[in-house]
Amino acid sequence: MPRTSDQGRSTLPTKGATTSVEDYAKTIYGLAEWEGADVTASALARTLGVSNPSVSLMVRKMAEQGLVEHQPYAPVRLTEAGRRLALAMVRRHRLIETWLVKELGYGWDEVHEEAERLEHSVSDTFIERLDARLGHPTTDPHGDPIPAADLSLNYPETTLLCRVPAEAEVRVEQVDDSVPEALRALAEQQVPIGAQVTVVSSTRGDVVVSASGGSPVPLDHDVAHAVRVSVSAQ
């Protein structure tokens, strides 16, 4: 279990890491977590809003630091050290999001950017006391699992809503917090985390769902791709 310090701003795996390295590690982890697929340099560039040469330069730097494994034209993969750095940042991000929603009254579509700014500036002590203050939550407001203090993580068995066939019964488990339009759409249609819904139709990723026998709710592909669900046993 990593030790925490009363001084400094980072949990042990982030010691010496720059803000950019922290962001890259968390983004690599997040892309693999959500998609369940290999992470390419071009995907990193799109997500971070930077150029491909900038990504290549940073990936080489991270490889020299032992944080990623990467060969030219091959996927980018975190090493164990890189994964621990990423999980430390994920823990910070998701605890801060939970705090903003539960105690400061933020909407779940407002907290991602706020947490992005705060996660780099708070101390170990703040994060651990925040965790205790919140009652050691296991998921954030978007349903994403929060790594424990030892960076262990229990991840649910889920699939993207856009890949679920018609007539399936599903439970909404997670919504991608980096897609605010998905968060707003589900909030407007009153489909929260934990909602049990039926997939009425699914065509090329556009999905229509119905919750508790209510009116059909159409969700376009971008929204359905930002939702992960667990499929009920038939």
Protein backbone atom coordinates (compact mmCIF):
# COMPACT_ATOMS: atom_id res chain seq x y z
CA MET A 1 0.00 0.00 0.00
CA PRO A 2 1.53 3.36 -0.98
CA ARG A 3 2.41 5.65 1.90
CA THR A 4 1.01 9.14 1.97
CA SER A 5 2.79 12.24 3.15
CA ASP A 6 1.64 15.28 5.06
CA GLN A 7 3.68 17.36 2.64
CA GLY A 8 3.69 17.61 -1.13
CA ARG A 9 0.80 17.49 -3.53
CA SER A 10 0.91 13.94 -4.88
CA THR A 11 0.39 10.39 -3.78
CA LEU A 12 3.55 8.30 -3.93
CA PRO A 13 3.24 7.11 -7.57
CA THR A 14 3.12 10.74 -8.79
CA LYS A 15 6.30 11.92 -7.05
CA GLY A 16 8.42 13.79 -9.58
CA ALA A 17 5.82 13.53 -12.35
CA THR A 18 4.93 16.73 -14.19
CA THR A 19 1.34 17.78 -14.76
CA SER A 20 1.67 16.79 -18.43
CA VAL A 21 2.96 13.32 -17.59
CA GLU A 22 0.14 12.85 -15.07
CA ASP A 23 -2.41 13.90 -17.70
CA TYR A 24 -0.96 11.57 -20.32
CA ALA A 25 -0.88 8.59 -17.95
CA LYS A 26 -4.48 9.20 -16.86
CA THR A 27 -5.63 9.66 -20.45
CA ILE A 28 -3.94 6.46 -21.65
CA TYR A 29 -5.57 4.58 -18.80
CA GLY A 30 -8.96 6.21 -19.41
CA LEU A 31 -9.03 5.41 -23.13
CA ALA A 32 -8.17 1.77 -22.51
CA GLU A 33 -10.64 1.60 -19.62
CA TRP A 34 -13.56 2.95 -21.62
CA GLU A 35 -12.96 1.37 -24.98
CA GLY A 36 -11.38 -1.88 -23.80
CA ALA A 37 -8.96 -1.55 -26.72
CA ASP A 38 -5.37 -0.59 -27.49
CA VAL A 39 -4.51 3.11 -27.29
CA THR A 40 -2.92 4.72 -30.33
CA ALA A 41 -0.88 7.90 -30.49
CA SER A 42 -3.51 9.46 -32.79
CA ALA A 43 -6.25 8.69 -30.24
CA LEU A 44 -4.17 10.40 -27.57
CA ALA A 45 -3.70 13.43 -29.81
CA ARG A 46 -7.45 13.71 -30.46
CA THR A 47 -8.38 13.32 -26.80
CA LEU A 48 -5.80 15.75 -25.47
CA GLY A 49 -6.19 18.25 -28.31
CA VAL A 50 -2.50 18.25 -29.22
CA SER A 51 -0.48 17.43 -32.33
CA ASN A 52 0.79 13.97 -33.21
CA PRO A 53 4.43 15.14 -32.93
CA SER A 54 3.71 16.42 -29.41
CA VAL A 55 2.30 13.02 -28.46
CA SER A 56 5.30 11.22 -29.92
CA LEU A 57 7.69 13.43 -27.95
CA MET A 58 5.82 12.88 -24.67
CA VAL A 59 5.47 9.12 -25.20
CA ARG A 60 9.24 8.86 -25.77
CA LYS A 61 9.82 10.82 -22.56
CA MET A 62 7.45 8.57 -20.63
CA ALA A 63 9.11 5.47 -22.07
CA GLU A 64 12.48 6.76 -20.82
CA GLN A 65 10.90 7.17 -17.37
CA GLY A 66 9.63 3.60 -17.44
CA LEU A 67 5.95 4.63 -17.54
CA VAL A 68 4.93 3.28 -20.96
CA GLU A 69 5.89 0.57 -23.41
CA HIS A 70 5.84 1.78 -26.98
CA GLN A 71 7.36 1.00 -30.34
CA PRO A 72 6.86 3.09 -33.51
CA TYR A 73 3.38 2.51 -35.02
CA ALA A 74 2.45 0.23 -32.11
CA PRO A 75 -0.16 0.87 -29.38
CA VAL A 76 0.85 2.78 -26.25
CA ARG A 77 0.66 0.65 -23.10
CA LEU A 78 1.27 1.66 -19.50
CA THR A 79 3.88 -0.22 -17.53
CA GLU A 80 3.04 -1.21 -13.95
CA ALA A 81 4.62 2.05 -12.76
CA GLY A 82 2.63 3.99 -15.36
CA ARG A 83 -0.58 2.24 -14.36
CA ARG A 84 -0.05 3.12 -10.70
CA LEU A 85 0.58 6.74 -11.63
CA ALA A 86 -2.60 6.75 -13.72
CA LEU A 87 -4.67 5.15 -10.94
CA ALA A 88 -3.38 7.67 -8.42
CA MET A 89 -4.61 10.47 -10.68
CA VAL A 90 -7.90 8.69 -11.40
CA ARG A 91 -8.44 8.38 -7.62
CA ARG A 92 -7.87 12.11 -7.18
CA HIS A 93 -10.12 13.03 -10.08
CA ARG A 94 -13.06 10.85 -9.06
CA LEU A 95 -12.94 11.76 -5.37
CA ILE A 96 -12.91 15.46 -6.27
CA GLU A 97 -15.85 14.98 -8.66
CA THR A 98 -17.78 13.19 -5.91
CA TRP A 99 -17.05 16.01 -3.47
CA LEU A 100 -18.13 18.70 -5.94
CA VAL A 101 -21.47 16.99 -6.54
CA LYS A 102 -22.25 15.86 -2.99
CA GLU A 103 -21.09 18.86 -1.01
CA LEU A 104 -20.81 21.83 -3.35
CA GLY A 105 -23.96 21.29 -5.41
CA TYR A 106 -22.36 20.91 -8.83
CA GLY A 107 -24.27 19.12 -11.58
CA TRP A 108 -22.69 15.91 -12.82
CA ASP A 109 -22.09 17.56 -16.20
CA GLU A 110 -20.10 20.41 -14.59
CA VAL A 111 -17.49 18.59 -12.53
CA HIS A 112 -15.08 17.07 -15.05
CA GLU A 113 -13.23 20.25 -16.03
CA GLU A 114 -13.26 21.50 -12.43
CA ALA A 115 -11.71 18.23 -11.22
CA GLU A 116 -9.13 18.37 -14.04
CA ARG A 117 -7.89 21.67 -12.62
CA LEU A 118 -7.97 20.70 -8.95
CA GLU A 119 -6.46 17.21 -9.13
CA HIS A 120 -2.93 18.52 -9.76
CA SER A 121 -2.89 21.07 -6.95
CA VAL A 122 -4.11 19.26 -3.82
CA SER A 123 -1.97 17.32 -1.34
CA ASP A 124 -1.99 13.70 -0.27
CA THR A 125 -3.46 14.73 3.05
CA PHE A 126 -6.32 16.55 1.34
CA ILE A 127 -7.19 13.53 -0.80
CA GLU A 128 -7.14 11.07 2.11
CA ARG A 129 -9.19 13.38 4.34
CA LEU A 130 -11.60 14.00 1.48
CA ASP A 131 -12.00 10.24 1.05
CA ALA A 132 -12.79 9.89 4.77
CA ARG A 133 -15.15 12.87 4.73
CA LEU A 134 -17.12 11.32 1.86
CA GLY A 135 -17.33 7.95 3.63
CA HIS A 136 -14.85 6.15 1.37
CA PRO A 137 -17.08 6.04 -1.75
CA THR A 138 -16.47 3.23 -4.23
CA THR A 139 -17.94 5.01 -7.27
CA ASP A 140 -18.12 8.61 -8.42
CA PRO A 141 -21.29 10.47 -9.59
CA HIS A 142 -20.87 9.02 -13.10
CA GLY A 143 -20.70 5.43 -11.84
CA ASP A 144 -16.95 5.11 -12.41
CA PRO A 145 -15.14 3.01 -9.79
CA ILE A 146 -12.82 4.95 -7.46
CA PRO A 147 -9.44 3.30 -6.80
CA ALA A 148 -8.89 2.58 -3.11
CA ALA A 149 -5.99 4.10 -1.16
CA ASP A 150 -3.85 1.10 -2.14
CA LEU A 151 -4.88 1.72 -5.77
CA SER A 152 -6.85 -1.52 -6.00
CA LEU A 153 -9.91 -1.25 -8.19
CA ASN A 154 -13.09 -3.28 -8.55
CA TYR A 155 -14.34 -2.85 -12.08
CA PRO A 156 -17.87 -3.90 -13.11
CA GLU A 157 -18.57 -6.13 -16.12
CA THR A 158 -20.12 -3.72 -18.60
CA THR A 159 -20.58 -3.05 -22.30
CA LEU A 160 -21.18 0.08 -24.35
CA LEU A 161 -24.88 0.86 -24.75
CA CYS A 162 -24.39 1.39 -28.50
CA ARG A 163 -23.40 -2.29 -28.81
CA VAL A 164 -26.40 -3.75 -26.99
CA PRO A 165 -29.02 -5.49 -29.18
CA ALA A 166 -32.71 -4.60 -29.20
CA GLU A 167 -34.95 -6.05 -26.50
CA ALA A 168 -32.10 -6.40 -24.00
CA GLU A 169 -32.74 -5.42 -20.40
CA VAL A 170 -29.84 -3.36 -19.03
CA ARG A 171 -28.76 -1.35 -15.99
CA VAL A 172 -27.01 1.99 -16.50
CA GLU A 173 -23.62 1.67 -14.77
CA GLN A 174 -21.38 4.47 -16.05
CA VAL A 175 -21.47 7.63 -18.13
CA ASP A 176 -18.29 9.10 -19.60
CA ASP A 177 -17.70 12.33 -17.67
CA SER A 178 -15.76 13.82 -20.59
CA VAL A 179 -18.94 13.82 -22.73
CA PRO A 180 -21.15 16.48 -21.08
CA GLU A 181 -23.82 16.20 -23.78
CA ALA A 182 -24.39 12.58 -22.72
CA LEU A 183 -24.67 13.61 -19.07
CA ARG A 184 -27.14 16.36 -19.95
CA ALA A 185 -29.19 14.10 -22.21
CA LEU A 186 -29.58 11.41 -19.55
CA ALA A 187 -30.37 14.01 -16.87
CA GLU A 188 -33.04 15.61 -19.06
CA GLN A 189 -34.58 12.19 -19.76
CA GLN A 190 -34.31 11.21 -16.06
CA VAL A 191 -32.14 8.17 -16.72
CA PRO A 192 -29.69 8.16 -13.76
CA ILE A 193 -26.91 5.76 -12.79
CA GLY A 194 -28.61 2.55 -11.66
CA ALA A 195 -31.65 2.97 -13.94
CA GLN A 196 -33.08 -0.25 -15.34
CA VAL A 197 -33.98 0.25 -19.00
CA THR A 198 -35.06 -1.78 -22.00
CA VAL A 199 -33.34 -1.29 -25.35
CA VAL A 200 -36.30 -0.76 -27.68
CA SER A 201 -34.18 -0.50 -30.83
CA SER A 202 -30.53 -0.21 -31.84
CA THR A 203 -29.57 0.90 -35.34
CA ARG A 204 -25.99 1.80 -36.31
CA GLY A 205 -25.28 2.85 -32.74
CA ASP A 206 -28.36 5.03 -32.36
CA VAL A 207 -30.38 3.58 -29.49
CA VAL A 208 -33.92 3.98 -28.19
CA VAL A 209 -34.48 2.95 -24.59
CA SER A 210 -37.48 2.83 -22.29
CA ALA A 211 -37.22 3.14 -18.51
CA SER A 212 -39.86 1.51 -16.28
CA GLY A 213 -42.45 1.39 -19.04
CA GLY A 214 -42.10 5.11 -19.75
CA SER A 215 -41.96 6.87 -23.09
CA PRO A 216 -39.20 5.81 -25.50
CA VAL A 217 -36.00 7.84 -25.11
CA PRO A 218 -33.90 8.23 -28.29
CA LEU A 219 -30.13 8.47 -27.80
CA ASP A 220 -27.82 9.19 -30.72
CA HIS A 221 -24.61 7.23 -31.21
CA ASP A 222 -22.34 9.74 -29.46
CA VAL A 223 -24.49 9.57 -26.34
CA ALA A 224 -24.98 5.79 -26.46
CA HIS A 225 -21.21 5.36 -26.90
CA ALA A 226 -20.68 7.36 -23.69
CA VAL A 227 -22.84 5.01 -21.60
CA ARG A 228 -21.77 1.65 -20.19
CA VAL A 229 -24.38 -0.83 -19.00
CA SER A 230 -24.62 -4.26 -17.48
CA VAL A 231 -26.91 -6.64 -19.34
CA SER A 232 -29.47 -8.52 -17.25
CA ALA A 233 -29.49 -12.30 -17.53
CA GLN A 234 -32.32 -13.53 -19.73
